[in-house]
C-alpha atoms as a PDB file:
ATOM      1  CA  UNK A   1      -1.539 -33.363-109.577  1.00  0.00           C
ATOM      2  CA  UNK A   2       1.985 -32.226-109.996  1.00  0.00           C
ATOM      3  CA  UNK A   3       5.020 -34.054-108.915  1.00  0.00           C
ATOM      4  CA  UNK A   4       6.516 -33.375-105.423  1.00  0.00           C
ATOM      5  CA  UNK A   5      10.379 -33.455-105.222  1.00  0.00           C
ATOM      6  CA  UNK A   6      12.782 -33.680-102.252  1.00  0.00           C
ATOM      7  CA  UNK A   7      16.063 -34.907-101.140  1.00  0.00           C
ATOM      8  CA  UNK A   8      18.681 -34.890 -98.472  1.00  0.00           C
ATOM      9  CA  UNK A   9      20.468 -31.893 -96.955  1.00  0.00           C
ATOM     10  CA  UNK A  10      23.472 -32.181 -99.176  1.00  0.00           C
ATOM     11  CA  UNK A  11      21.421 -32.920-102.289  1.00  0.00           C
ATOM     12  CA  UNK A  12      23.128 -36.191-103.200  1.00  0.00           C
ATOM     13  CA  UNK A  13      19.941 -38.201-102.733  1.00  0.00           C
ATOM     14  CA  UNK A  14      16.859 -36.961-104.656  1.00  0.00           C
ATOM     15  CA  UNK A  15      13.325 -38.318-105.064  1.00  0.00           C
ATOM     16  CA  UNK A  16      10.024 -37.514-106.380  1.00  0.00           C
ATOM     17  CA  UNK A  17       6.340 -38.815-106.101  1.00  0.00           C
ATOM     18  CA  UNK A  18       3.384 -37.908-108.261  1.00  0.00           C
ATOM     19  CA  UNK A  19       0.393 -38.635-106.124  1.00  0.00           C
ATOM     20  CA  UNK A  20      -1.155 -37.344-102.871  1.00  0.00           C
ATOM     21  CA  UNK A  21      -0.018 -39.027 -99.675  1.00  0.00           C
ATOM     22  CA  UNK A  22      -2.291 -41.825 -98.487  1.00  0.00           C
ATOM     23  CA  UNK A  23      -1.992 -40.447 -94.860  1.00  0.00           C
ATOM     24  CA  UNK A  24      -0.065 -37.743 -93.070  1.00  0.00           C
ATOM     25  CA  UNK A  25       1.104 -38.964 -89.616  1.00  0.00           C
ATOM     26  CA  UNK A  26       2.939 -37.772 -86.654  1.00  0.00           C
ATOM     27  CA  UNK A  27       5.120 -40.486 -84.948  1.00  0.00           C
ATOM     28  CA  UNK A  28       6.076 -40.083 -81.291  1.00  0.00           C
ATOM     29  CA  UNK A  29       8.169 -43.301 -81.022  1.00  0.00           C
ATOM     30  CA  UNK A  30      11.652 -43.228 -79.589  1.00  0.00           C
ATOM     31  CA  UNK A  31      13.163 -44.146 -82.851  1.00  0.00           C
ATOM     32  CA  UNK A  32      11.581 -41.215 -84.631  1.00  0.00           C
ATOM     33  CA  UNK A  33      12.863 -38.933 -81.872  1.00  0.00           C
ATOM     34  CA  UNK A  34      16.344 -40.141 -82.313  1.00  0.00           C
ATOM     35  CA  UNK A  35      16.401 -40.041 -86.203  1.00  0.00           C
ATOM     36  CA  UNK A  36      14.670 -36.627 -86.376  1.00  0.00           C
ATOM     37  CA  UNK A  37      16.515 -35.047 -83.373  1.00  0.00           C
ATOM     38  CA  UNK A  38      13.135 -33.715 -82.336  1.00  0.00           C
ATOM     39  CA  UNK A  39      10.112 -34.608 -80.232  1.00  0.00           C
ATOM     40  CA  UNK A  40       8.320 -36.498 -83.014  1.00  0.00           C
ATOM     41  CA  UNK A  41       8.542 -36.915 -86.760  1.00  0.00           C
ATOM     42  CA  UNK A  42       6.155 -35.837 -89.517  1.00  0.00           C
ATOM     43  CA  UNK A  43       5.586 -38.524 -92.168  1.00  0.00           C
ATOM     44  CA  UNK A  44       3.645 -38.765 -95.356  1.00  0.00           C
ATOM     45  CA  UNK A  45       2.638 -42.323 -96.487  1.00  0.00           C
ATOM     46  CA  UNK A  46       3.372 -42.412-100.244  1.00  0.00           C
ATOM     47  CA  UNK A  47       2.536 -45.457-102.405  1.00  0.00           C
ATOM     48  CA  UNK A  48       5.680 -47.170-103.506  1.00  0.00           C
ATOM     49  CA  UNK A  49       4.343 -47.180-107.140  1.00  0.00           C
ATOM     50  CA  UNK A  50       4.316 -43.407-107.173  1.00  0.00           C
ATOM     51  CA  UNK A  51       7.701 -42.902-105.591  1.00  0.00           C
ATOM     52  CA  UNK A  52      11.177 -43.063-107.149  1.00  0.00           C
ATOM     53  CA  UNK A  53      14.749 -42.014-106.321  1.00  0.00           C
ATOM     54  CA  UNK A  54      15.940 -39.804-109.108  1.00  0.00           C
ATOM     55  CA  UNK A  55      19.530 -39.269-107.946  1.00  0.00           C
ATOM     56  CA  UNK A  56      22.002 -41.087-105.628  1.00  0.00           C
ATOM     57  CA  UNK A  57      21.838 -44.253-103.649  1.00  0.00           C
ATOM     58  CA  UNK A  58      20.720 -44.172-100.140  1.00  0.00           C
ATOM     59  CA  UNK A  59      22.334 -46.167 -97.338  1.00  0.00           C
ATOM     60  CA  UNK A  60      20.041 -48.669 -95.570  1.00  0.00           C
ATOM     61  CA  UNK A  61      19.782 -49.556 -91.856  1.00  0.00           C
ATOM     62  CA  UNK A  62      17.442 -52.173 -90.342  1.00  0.00           C
ATOM     63  CA  UNK A  63      16.300 -52.677 -86.810  1.00  0.00           C
ATOM     64  CA  UNK A  64      13.447 -53.966 -84.766  1.00  0.00           C
ATOM     65  CA  UNK A  65      11.273 -50.975 -83.854  1.00  0.00           C
ATOM     66  CA  UNK A  66       9.071 -50.077 -80.956  1.00  0.00           C
ATOM     67  CA  UNK A  67       6.244 -51.897 -82.859  1.00  0.00           C
ATOM     68  CA  UNK A  68       8.143 -55.213 -82.743  1.00  0.00           C
ATOM     69  CA  UNK A  69       8.459 -55.108 -86.566  1.00  0.00           C
ATOM     70  CA  UNK A  70      11.671 -54.768 -88.561  1.00  0.00           C
ATOM     71  CA  UNK A  71      11.762 -51.263 -89.929  1.00  0.00           C
ATOM     72  CA  UNK A  72      14.194 -50.432 -92.766  1.00  0.00           C
ATOM     73  CA  UNK A  73      15.611 -46.813 -92.853  1.00  0.00           C
ATOM     74  CA  UNK A  74      16.987 -45.057 -95.975  1.00  0.00           C
ATOM     75  CA  UNK A  75      19.213 -42.166 -95.484  1.00  0.00           C
ATOM     76  CA  UNK A  76      22.070 -40.207 -97.006  1.00  0.00           C
ATOM     77  CA  UNK A  77      25.532 -41.630 -96.253  1.00  0.00           C
ATOM     78  CA  UNK A  78      27.162 -38.278 -96.783  1.00  0.00           C
ATOM     79  CA  UNK A  79      24.872 -35.765 -94.737  1.00  0.00           C
ATOM     80  CA  UNK A  80      23.065 -38.368 -92.664  1.00  0.00           C
ATOM     81  CA  UNK A  81      19.456 -37.038 -93.651  1.00  0.00           C
ATOM     82  CA  UNK A  82      16.786 -39.703 -92.970  1.00  0.00           C
ATOM     83  CA  UNK A  83      14.620 -39.770 -96.022  1.00  0.00           C
ATOM     84  CA  UNK A  84      12.173 -42.643 -95.732  1.00  0.00           C
ATOM     85  CA  UNK A  85      11.406 -45.801 -93.829  1.00  0.00           C
ATOM     86  CA  UNK A  86       9.600 -49.002 -94.790  1.00  0.00           C
ATOM     87  CA  UNK A  87       8.038 -51.673 -92.458  1.00  0.00           C
ATOM     88  CA  UNK A  88       5.315 -54.423 -92.636  1.00  0.00           C
ATOM     89  CA  UNK A  89       3.066 -51.945 -90.870  1.00  0.00           C
ATOM     90  CA  UNK A  90       3.314 -49.378 -93.736  1.00  0.00           C
ATOM     91  CA  UNK A  91       2.405 -51.913 -96.344  1.00  0.00           C
ATOM     92  CA  UNK A  92       3.445 -51.029 -99.993  1.00  0.00           C
ATOM     93  CA  UNK A  93       4.132 -47.462 -98.965  1.00  0.00           C
ATOM     94  CA  UNK A  94       7.091 -45.325 -98.214  1.00  0.00           C
ATOM     95  CA  UNK A  95       7.020 -43.520 -94.876  1.00  0.00           C
ATOM     96  CA  UNK A  96       8.521 -40.318 -96.133  1.00  0.00           C
ATOM     97  CA  UNK A  97      10.088 -37.707 -93.653  1.00  0.00           C
ATOM     98  CA  UNK A  98       8.019 -34.685 -94.845  1.00  0.00           C
ATOM     99  CA  UNK A  99      10.866 -32.332 -93.903  1.00  0.00           C
ATOM    100  CA  UNK A 100      12.821 -33.620 -96.859  1.00  0.00           C
ATOM    101  CA  UNK A 101      10.357 -32.240 -99.317  1.00  0.00           C
ATOM    102  CA  UNK A 102      11.800 -29.242-101.264  1.00  0.00           C
ATOM    103  CA  UNK A 103       8.456 -27.287-100.539  1.00  0.00           C
ATOM    104  CA  UNK A 104       8.231 -28.502 -97.009  1.00  0.00           C
ATOM    105  CA  UNK A 105       7.224 -25.044 -95.776  1.00  0.00           C
ATOM    106  CA  UNK A 106       4.331 -24.783 -98.186  1.00  0.00           C
ATOM    107  CA  UNK A 107       3.290 -28.432 -97.852  1.00  0.00           C
ATOM    108  CA  UNK A 108       3.576 -28.699 -94.202  1.00  0.00           C
ATOM    109  CA  UNK A 109       1.915 -25.445 -93.483  1.00  0.00           C
ATOM    110  CA  UNK A 110      -1.335 -26.622 -95.194  1.00  0.00           C
ATOM    111  CA  UNK A 111      -1.049 -30.346 -94.308  1.00  0.00           C
ATOM    112  CA  UNK A 112      -3.906 -31.867 -92.329  1.00  0.00           C
ATOM    113  CA  UNK A 113      -2.479 -34.564 -90.007  1.00  0.00           C
ATOM    114  CA  UNK A 114      -4.674 -37.648 -90.305  1.00  0.00           C
ATOM    115  CA  UNK A 115      -3.138 -39.613 -87.362  1.00  0.00           C
ATOM    116  CA  UNK A 116      -0.743 -39.675 -84.485  1.00  0.00           C
ATOM    117  CA  UNK A 117       0.986 -42.928 -83.497  1.00  0.00           C
ATOM    118  CA  UNK A 118       2.854 -44.104 -80.491  1.00  0.00           C
ATOM    119  CA  UNK A 119       1.073 -41.564 -78.453  1.00  0.00           C
ATOM    120  CA  UNK A 120       1.988 -43.532 -75.321  1.00  0.00           C
ATOM    121  CA  UNK A 121       5.494 -41.915 -75.947  1.00  0.00           C
ATOM    122  CA  UNK A 122       4.094 -38.363 -76.660  1.00  0.00           C
ATOM    123  CA  UNK A 123       5.952 -35.878 -74.504  1.00  0.00           C
ATOM    124  CA  UNK A 124       3.768 -34.259 -71.907  1.00  0.00           C
ATOM    125  CA  UNK A 125       4.132 -30.751 -73.373  1.00  0.00           C
ATOM    126  CA  UNK A 126       3.043 -31.688 -76.892  1.00  0.00           C
ATOM    127  CA  UNK A 127      -0.625 -31.424 -77.434  1.00  0.00           C
ATOM    128  CA  UNK A 128      -2.744 -33.941 -79.476  1.00  0.00           C
ATOM    129  CA  UNK A 129      -3.808 -32.665 -82.866  1.00  0.00           C
ATOM    130  CA  UNK A 130      -7.502 -32.050 -82.979  1.00  0.00           C
ATOM    131  CA  UNK A 131      -9.297 -34.306 -85.508  1.00  0.00           C
ATOM    132  CA  UNK A 132      -6.315 -36.655 -85.837  1.00  0.00           C
ATOM    133  CA  UNK A 133      -6.872 -40.233 -84.859  1.00  0.00           C
ATOM    134  CA  UNK A 134      -4.721 -41.352 -81.891  1.00  0.00           C
ATOM    135  CA  UNK A 135      -2.923 -44.688 -81.605  1.00  0.00           C
ATOM    136  CA  UNK A 136      -0.857 -45.810 -78.665  1.00  0.00           C
ATOM    137  CA  UNK A 137       1.149 -48.149 -80.799  1.00  0.00           C
END
């Protein structure tokens, strides 16, 4: 397995991980809409032990999420790119924003989404992904 690399839009924050994601998840919560500027976010759960920041220091923002849990967001203080999040629900894993991967076109085009979460907030015109588990919360 080769390492995957990624970072923020301006390149000041860089990271890598050297394992396959545990899960590939779409999140339809209101927070993910706001931070992605889109209708949902695409997230890869990556074990903390396999992940490391290789350049820069992300800014940190914490808040109580739709789940009721405190979620911590890591982002670039210069360009604003959200890079990953952490919460008690994700365990010892980074919730990596898949669009920040350097090869996101290749990786995302072949990704099999395992689950969709916060489907109660899914927009009417977004169809469920066949084969992916569906969670309302």
